[in-house]
Amino acid sequence: LGRQPAIADPQAPATSARRAAGHLGFRQVEFRYPSRPEPPALVDFELAVRPGETVALVGPSGAGKSTVLQLLLRHWEPQAGRIELDGVSLADLPLAYLREQLALVPQDSFIFGASARDNIRYGRPDADQAEVEAAARAAEAHDFISALPEGYDSFLGERGVRLSGGQRQRIAIARALLKDAPVLLLDEATSA
């Protein structure tokens, strides 16, 4: 518990008061997992994504798709190269600012032991009911939520045990849409 995190805010962070435009860049990125350095997960990886652009990373299991997302979230640092948001190295941005600019729907969508409304609102706690419902509609979750015994007030069970895998993903998608971050990351969110 007394250890310092490996990833920390920069000593002199870049100014970041504004909302990001959403330009993403990977410049000759190399990454090796510390627990299994060979083979490298990414070598000389290059990617440029413009705001509003949709990009899909496709490949077999272990090809590095999830690694790219983990590096964007700064769960790890690359051993070489540079990752940028709007031309600024992620290493120069405060972690809180960076993560405000990203919304993630992970492979395994986490559902809290709370109501459908609260699970979606976790994306933006100050959202009103109309905003929650709009996000649910956009994620095609509104109909099944409305059909639950107590609608949006229905308790979803620990880890969403009362929902199918696809329904859990739709709740997670609604949560990410409600956050309204400049960059939306979907990590194999395909069963929904």
C-alpha atoms as a PDB file:
ATOM      1  CA  LEU A   1       0.000   0.000   0.000  1.00  0.00           C
ATOM      2  CA  GLY A   2       2.881   2.358   0.563  1.00  0.00           C
ATOM      3  CA  ARG A   3       4.249   2.002  -2.985  1.00  0.00           C
ATOM      4  CA  GLN A   4       4.131   4.871  -5.438  1.00  0.00           C
ATOM      5  CA  PRO A   5       2.211   4.208  -8.661  1.00  0.00           C
ATOM      6  CA  ALA A   6       4.366   3.545 -11.721  1.00  0.00           C
ATOM      7  CA  ILE A   7       2.347   6.073 -13.751  1.00  0.00           C
ATOM      8  CA  ALA A   8       2.130   9.525 -12.203  1.00  0.00           C
ATOM      9  CA  ASP A   9       1.257  13.061 -13.195  1.00  0.00           C
ATOM     10  CA  PRO A  10       4.086  14.957 -14.897  1.00  0.00           C
ATOM     11  CA  GLN A  11       6.221  17.345 -12.844  1.00  0.00           C
ATOM     12  CA  ALA A  12       5.336  20.218 -15.213  1.00  0.00           C
ATOM     13  CA  PRO A  13       2.043  19.259 -16.873  1.00  0.00           C
ATOM     14  CA  ALA A  14       0.952  20.730 -20.179  1.00  0.00           C
ATOM     15  CA  THR A  15      -1.930  23.172 -19.867  1.00  0.00           C
ATOM     16  CA  SER A  16      -5.189  21.322 -20.276  1.00  0.00           C
ATOM     17  CA  ALA A  17      -8.101  23.538 -19.296  1.00  0.00           C
ATOM     18  CA  ARG A  18     -10.027  22.944 -22.507  1.00  0.00           C
ATOM     19  CA  ARG A  19     -11.845  19.938 -23.883  1.00  0.00           C
ATOM     20  CA  ALA A  20      -9.652  17.944 -26.256  1.00  0.00           C
ATOM     21  CA  ALA A  21     -10.433  17.949 -29.964  1.00  0.00           C
ATOM     22  CA  GLY A  22      -9.622  14.239 -30.086  1.00  0.00           C
ATOM     23  CA  HIS A  23      -6.615  13.936 -32.421  1.00  0.00           C
ATOM     24  CA  LEU A  24      -4.811  10.720 -31.415  1.00  0.00           C
ATOM     25  CA  GLY A  25      -1.343   9.756 -32.550  1.00  0.00           C
ATOM     26  CA  PHE A  26       0.927   6.788 -31.964  1.00  0.00           C
ATOM     27  CA  ARG A  27       4.455   7.529 -33.215  1.00  0.00           C
ATOM     28  CA  GLN A  28       6.830   4.552 -33.504  1.00  0.00           C
ATOM     29  CA  VAL A  29       5.494   3.057 -30.285  1.00  0.00           C
ATOM     30  CA  GLU A  30       7.138  -0.022 -28.848  1.00  0.00           C
ATOM     31  CA  PHE A  31       5.729  -1.816 -25.847  1.00  0.00           C
ATOM     32  CA  ARG A  32       6.679  -4.987 -23.981  1.00  0.00           C
ATOM     33  CA  TYR A  33       4.782  -6.283 -20.996  1.00  0.00           C
ATOM     34  CA  PRO A  34       7.142  -6.505 -18.004  1.00  0.00           C
ATOM     35  CA  SER A  35       5.909 -10.007 -17.157  1.00  0.00           C
ATOM     36  CA  ARG A  36       6.508 -11.275 -20.720  1.00  0.00           C
ATOM     37  CA  PRO A  37       8.895  -9.049 -22.648  1.00  0.00           C
ATOM     38  CA  GLU A  38       9.180 -11.421 -25.618  1.00  0.00           C
ATOM     39  CA  PRO A  39       7.680 -11.109 -28.067  1.00  0.00           C
ATOM     40  CA  PRO A  40       6.946  -7.369 -27.895  1.00  0.00           C
ATOM     41  CA  ALA A  41       3.248  -6.486 -27.881  1.00  0.00           C
ATOM     42  CA  LEU A  42       3.855  -3.533 -30.242  1.00  0.00           C
ATOM     43  CA  VAL A  43       6.843  -2.647 -32.439  1.00  0.00           C
ATOM     44  CA  ASP A  44       7.094   0.634 -34.398  1.00  0.00           C
ATOM     45  CA  PHE A  45       3.324   1.030 -34.095  1.00  0.00           C
ATOM     46  CA  GLU A  46       1.965   4.049 -35.985  1.00  0.00           C
ATOM     47  CA  LEU A  47      -1.604   5.311 -35.914  1.00  0.00           C
ATOM     48  CA  ALA A  48      -3.256   8.670 -36.534  1.00  0.00           C
ATOM     49  CA  VAL A  49      -6.933   9.237 -35.734  1.00  0.00           C
ATOM     50  CA  ARG A  50      -8.716  12.506 -36.484  1.00  0.00           C
ATOM     51  CA  PRO A  51     -11.677  13.839 -34.477  1.00  0.00           C
ATOM     52  CA  GLY A  52     -14.923  12.215 -35.594  1.00  0.00           C
ATOM     53  CA  GLU A  53     -13.112   9.398 -37.367  1.00  0.00           C
ATOM     54  CA  THR A  54     -14.019   5.775 -36.619  1.00  0.00           C
ATOM     55  CA  VAL A  55     -11.105   3.343 -36.536  1.00  0.00           C
ATOM     56  CA  ALA A  56     -11.252  -0.388 -35.843  1.00  0.00           C
ATOM     57  CA  LEU A  57      -8.202  -2.383 -34.815  1.00  0.00           C
ATOM     58  CA  VAL A  58      -8.679  -5.924 -36.080  1.00  0.00           C
ATOM     59  CA  GLY A  59      -6.502  -8.949 -35.487  1.00  0.00           C
ATOM     60  CA  PRO A  60      -6.179 -12.268 -33.716  1.00  0.00           C
ATOM     61  CA  SER A  61      -6.083 -12.637 -29.963  1.00  0.00           C
ATOM     62  CA  GLY A  62      -2.791 -11.311 -28.624  1.00  0.00           C
ATOM     63  CA  ALA A  63      -2.181  -8.971 -31.578  1.00  0.00           C
ATOM     64  CA  GLY A  64      -2.085  -5.887 -29.320  1.00  0.00           C
ATOM     65  CA  LYS A  65      -5.560  -4.390 -29.766  1.00  0.00           C
ATOM     66  CA  SER A  66      -6.284  -4.112 -26.035  1.00  0.00           C
ATOM     67  CA  THR A  67      -2.682  -3.039 -25.416  1.00  0.00           C
ATOM     68  CA  VAL A  68      -3.282   0.046 -27.583  1.00  0.00           C
ATOM     69  CA  LEU A  69      -6.250   0.997 -25.381  1.00  0.00           C
ATOM     70  CA  GLN A  70      -4.306   0.367 -22.163  1.00  0.00           C
ATOM     71  CA  LEU A  71      -1.523   2.629 -23.419  1.00  0.00           C
ATOM     72  CA  LEU A  72      -4.040   5.357 -24.311  1.00  0.00           C
ATOM     73  CA  LEU A  73      -5.413   5.184 -20.766  1.00  0.00           C
ATOM     74  CA  ARG A  74      -1.815   5.307 -19.439  1.00  0.00           C
ATOM     75  CA  HIS A  75      -2.133   2.093 -17.526  1.00  0.00           C
ATOM     76  CA  TRP A  76       1.313   1.405 -19.014  1.00  0.00           C
ATOM     77  CA  GLU A  77       4.041   3.538 -20.588  1.00  0.00           C
ATOM     78  CA  PRO A  78       5.617   2.582 -23.921  1.00  0.00           C
ATOM     79  CA  GLN A  79       9.318   1.722 -23.869  1.00  0.00           C
ATOM     80  CA  ALA A  80       9.855   3.748 -27.045  1.00  0.00           C
ATOM     81  CA  GLY A  81       7.944   6.197 -29.183  1.00  0.00           C
ATOM     82  CA  ARG A  82       5.282   8.711 -28.297  1.00  0.00           C
ATOM     83  CA  ILE A  83       1.513   8.700 -27.843  1.00  0.00           C
ATOM     84  CA  GLU A  84      -0.264  12.032 -28.317  1.00  0.00           C
ATOM     85  CA  LEU A  85      -3.620  13.668 -27.738  1.00  0.00           C
ATOM     86  CA  ASP A  86      -4.005  16.812 -29.846  1.00  0.00           C
ATOM     87  CA  GLY A  87      -0.253  16.834 -30.484  1.00  0.00           C
ATOM     88  CA  VAL A  88       0.692  16.720 -26.783  1.00  0.00           C
ATOM     89  CA  SER A  89       2.441  13.667 -25.365  1.00  0.00           C
ATOM     90  CA  LEU A  90       0.193  11.761 -22.971  1.00  0.00           C
ATOM     91  CA  ALA A  91       3.125  11.717 -20.540  1.00  0.00           C
ATOM     92  CA  ASP A  92       2.838  15.532 -20.338  1.00  0.00           C
ATOM     93  CA  LEU A  93      -0.881  15.547 -19.485  1.00  0.00           C
ATOM     94  CA  PRO A  94      -2.349  15.232 -15.990  1.00  0.00           C
ATOM     95  CA  LEU A  95      -3.905  11.769 -15.626  1.00  0.00           C
ATOM     96  CA  ALA A  96      -7.269  13.154 -14.486  1.00  0.00           C
ATOM     97  CA  TYR A  97      -7.480  15.422 -17.537  1.00  0.00           C
ATOM     98  CA  LEU A  98      -6.486  12.612 -19.914  1.00  0.00           C
ATOM     99  CA  ARG A  99      -9.059  10.214 -18.507  1.00  0.00           C
ATOM    100  CA  GLU A 100     -11.792  12.884 -18.687  1.00  0.00           C
ATOM    101  CA  GLN A 101     -11.161  12.991 -22.442  1.00  0.00           C
ATOM    102  CA  LEU A 102     -11.673   9.230 -22.876  1.00  0.00           C
ATOM    103  CA  ALA A 103     -14.742   7.021 -22.467  1.00  0.00           C
ATOM    104  CA  LEU A 104     -14.133   3.265 -22.402  1.00  0.00           C
ATOM    105  CA  VAL A 105     -16.432   0.309 -22.942  1.00  0.00           C
ATOM    106  CA  PRO A 106     -14.236  -2.604 -21.792  1.00  0.00           C
ATOM    107  CA  GLN A 107     -14.364  -6.229 -22.946  1.00  0.00           C
ATOM    108  CA  ASP A 108     -15.994  -7.218 -19.672  1.00  0.00           C
ATOM    109  CA  SER A 109     -18.515  -4.509 -18.873  1.00  0.00           C
ATOM    110  CA  PHE A 110     -18.658  -3.834 -15.151  1.00  0.00           C
ATOM    111  CA  ILE A 111     -22.112  -3.351 -13.674  1.00  0.00           C
ATOM    112  CA  PHE A 112     -22.450  -1.969 -10.161  1.00  0.00           C
ATOM    113  CA  GLY A 113     -24.878  -3.356  -7.589  1.00  0.00           C
ATOM    114  CA  ALA A 114     -27.223  -0.428  -8.181  1.00  0.00           C
ATOM    115  CA  SER A 115     -30.151   0.654 -10.338  1.00  0.00           C
ATOM    116  CA  ALA A 116     -30.024   0.849 -14.129  1.00  0.00           C
ATOM    117  CA  ARG A 117     -30.184   4.649 -13.820  1.00  0.00           C
ATOM    118  CA  ASP A 118     -27.260   4.821 -11.402  1.00  0.00           C
ATOM    119  CA  ASN A 119     -25.192   2.443 -13.531  1.00  0.00           C
ATOM    120  CA  ILE A 120     -25.617   4.690 -16.560  1.00  0.00           C
ATOM    121  CA  ARG A 121     -25.250   7.905 -14.553  1.00  0.00           C
ATOM    122  CA  TYR A 122     -21.851   6.728 -13.350  1.00  0.00           C
ATOM    123  CA  GLY A 123     -20.637   8.146 -16.693  1.00  0.00           C
ATOM    124  CA  ARG A 124     -21.729  11.628 -15.580  1.00  0.00           C
ATOM    125  CA  PRO A 125     -23.159  11.783 -12.038  1.00  0.00           C
ATOM    126  CA  ASP A 126     -24.879  15.154 -12.551  1.00  0.00           C
ATOM    127  CA  ALA A 127     -26.917  13.943 -15.561  1.00  0.00           C
ATOM    128  CA  ASP A 128     -30.694  14.280 -15.330  1.00  0.00           C
ATOM    129  CA  GLN A 129     -33.205  11.560 -16.213  1.00  0.00           C
ATOM    130  CA  ALA A 130     -33.746  12.851 -19.758  1.00  0.00           C
ATOM    131  CA  GLU A 131     -30.001  12.672 -20.451  1.00  0.00           C
ATOM    132  CA  VAL A 132     -29.786   9.168 -18.967  1.00  0.00           C
ATOM    133  CA  GLU A 133     -32.684   8.008 -21.144  1.00  0.00           C
ATOM    134  CA  ALA A 134     -31.207   9.651 -24.257  1.00  0.00           C
ATOM    135  CA  ALA A 135     -27.930   7.777 -23.695  1.00  0.00           C
ATOM    136  CA  ALA A 136     -29.842   4.526 -23.104  1.00  0.00           C
ATOM    137  CA  ARG A 137     -31.803   5.028 -26.329  1.00  0.00           C
ATOM    138  CA  ALA A 138     -28.607   5.727 -28.280  1.00  0.00           C
ATOM    139  CA  ALA A 139     -27.124   2.499 -26.857  1.00  0.00           C
ATOM    140  CA  GLU A 140     -30.358   0.616 -27.633  1.00  0.00           C
ATOM    141  CA  ALA A 141     -30.811  -0.155 -23.940  1.00  0.00           C
ATOM    142  CA  HIS A 142     -33.974   1.864 -23.253  1.00  0.00           C
ATOM    143  CA  ASP A 143     -36.462  -0.831 -24.308  1.00  0.00           C
ATOM    144  CA  PHE A 144     -35.064  -3.622 -22.140  1.00  0.00           C
ATOM    145  CA  ILE A 145     -34.555  -1.234 -19.203  1.00  0.00           C
ATOM    146  CA  SER A 146     -38.155  -0.027 -19.500  1.00  0.00           C
ATOM    147  CA  ALA A 147     -39.316  -3.657 -19.493  1.00  0.00           C
ATOM    148  CA  LEU A 148     -37.591  -4.351 -16.148  1.00  0.00           C
ATOM    149  CA  PRO A 149     -39.995  -4.545 -13.169  1.00  0.00           C
ATOM    150  CA  GLU A 150     -39.065  -1.069 -11.895  1.00  0.00           C
ATOM    151  CA  GLY A 151     -37.704   0.373 -15.152  1.00  0.00           C
ATOM    152  CA  TYR A 152     -34.705   2.616 -14.595  1.00  0.00           C
ATOM    153  CA  ASP A 153     -35.041   2.105 -10.817  1.00  0.00           C
ATOM    154  CA  SER A 154     -34.560  -1.682 -11.147  1.00  0.00           C
ATOM    155  CA  PHE A 155     -31.650  -3.104  -9.177  1.00  0.00           C
ATOM    156  CA  LEU A 156     -29.357  -4.891 -11.633  1.00  0.00           C
ATOM    157  CA  GLY A 157     -27.673  -7.191  -9.109  1.00  0.00           C
ATOM    158  CA  GLU A 158     -23.999  -7.450  -8.263  1.00  0.00           C
ATOM    159  CA  ARG A 159     -22.011  -7.393 -11.511  1.00  0.00           C
ATOM    160  CA  GLY A 160     -25.302  -7.260 -13.431  1.00  0.00           C
ATOM    161  CA  VAL A 161     -26.240 -10.892 -12.765  1.00  0.00           C
ATOM    162  CA  ARG A 162     -29.828 -10.157 -13.793  1.00  0.00           C
ATOM    163  CA  LEU A 163     -28.756  -9.083 -17.289  1.00  0.00           C
ATOM    164  CA  SER A 164     -27.456 -10.910 -20.347  1.00  0.00           C
ATOM    165  CA  GLY A 165     -23.935 -10.181 -21.574  1.00  0.00           C
ATOM    166  CA  GLY A 166     -25.308  -8.036 -24.384  1.00  0.00           C
ATOM    167  CA  GLN A 167     -27.507  -6.070 -21.985  1.00  0.00           C
ATOM    168  CA  ARG A 168     -24.524  -5.424 -19.696  1.00  0.00           C
ATOM    169  CA  GLN A 169     -22.574  -4.097 -22.672  1.00  0.00           C
ATOM    170  CA  ARG A 170     -25.445  -1.828 -23.696  1.00  0.00           C
ATOM    171  CA  ILE A 171     -25.525  -0.352 -20.171  1.00  0.00           C
ATOM    172  CA  ALA A 172     -21.750   0.226 -20.415  1.00  0.00           C
ATOM    173  CA  ILE A 173     -22.163   1.817 -23.861  1.00  0.00           C
ATOM    174  CA  ALA A 174     -24.892   4.116 -22.508  1.00  0.00           C
ATOM    175  CA  ARG A 175     -22.576   5.070 -19.623  1.00  0.00           C
ATOM    176  CA  ALA A 176     -19.780   5.925 -22.068  1.00  0.00           C
ATOM    177  CA  LEU A 177     -22.124   7.901 -24.339  1.00  0.00           C
ATOM    178  CA  LEU A 178     -23.466   9.859 -21.367  1.00  0.00           C
ATOM    179  CA  LYS A 179     -19.904  10.827 -20.422  1.00  0.00           C
ATOM    180  CA  ASP A 180     -19.688  12.538 -23.837  1.00  0.00           C
ATOM    181  CA  ALA A 181     -15.890  12.408 -23.969  1.00  0.00           C
ATOM    182  CA  PRO A 182     -14.080  13.480 -27.151  1.00  0.00           C
ATOM    183  CA  VAL A 183     -12.677   9.945 -27.597  1.00  0.00           C
ATOM    184  CA  LEU A 184     -14.815   6.793 -27.309  1.00  0.00           C
ATOM    185  CA  LEU A 185     -12.922   3.502 -26.936  1.00  0.00           C
ATOM    186  CA  LEU A 186     -14.693   0.170 -27.462  1.00  0.00           C
ATOM    187  CA  ASP A 187     -12.649  -2.880 -26.450  1.00  0.00           C
ATOM    188  CA  GLU A 188     -14.360  -5.775 -28.236  1.00  0.00           C
ATOM    189  CA  ALA A 189     -17.810  -4.516 -27.283  1.00  0.00           C
ATOM    190  CA  THR A 190     -19.392  -6.651 -29.989  1.00  0.00           C
ATOM    191  CA  SER A 191     -21.934  -8.943 -28.323  1.00  0.00           C
ATOM    192  CA  ALA A 192     -24.391  -6.050 -27.969  1.00  0.00           C
END
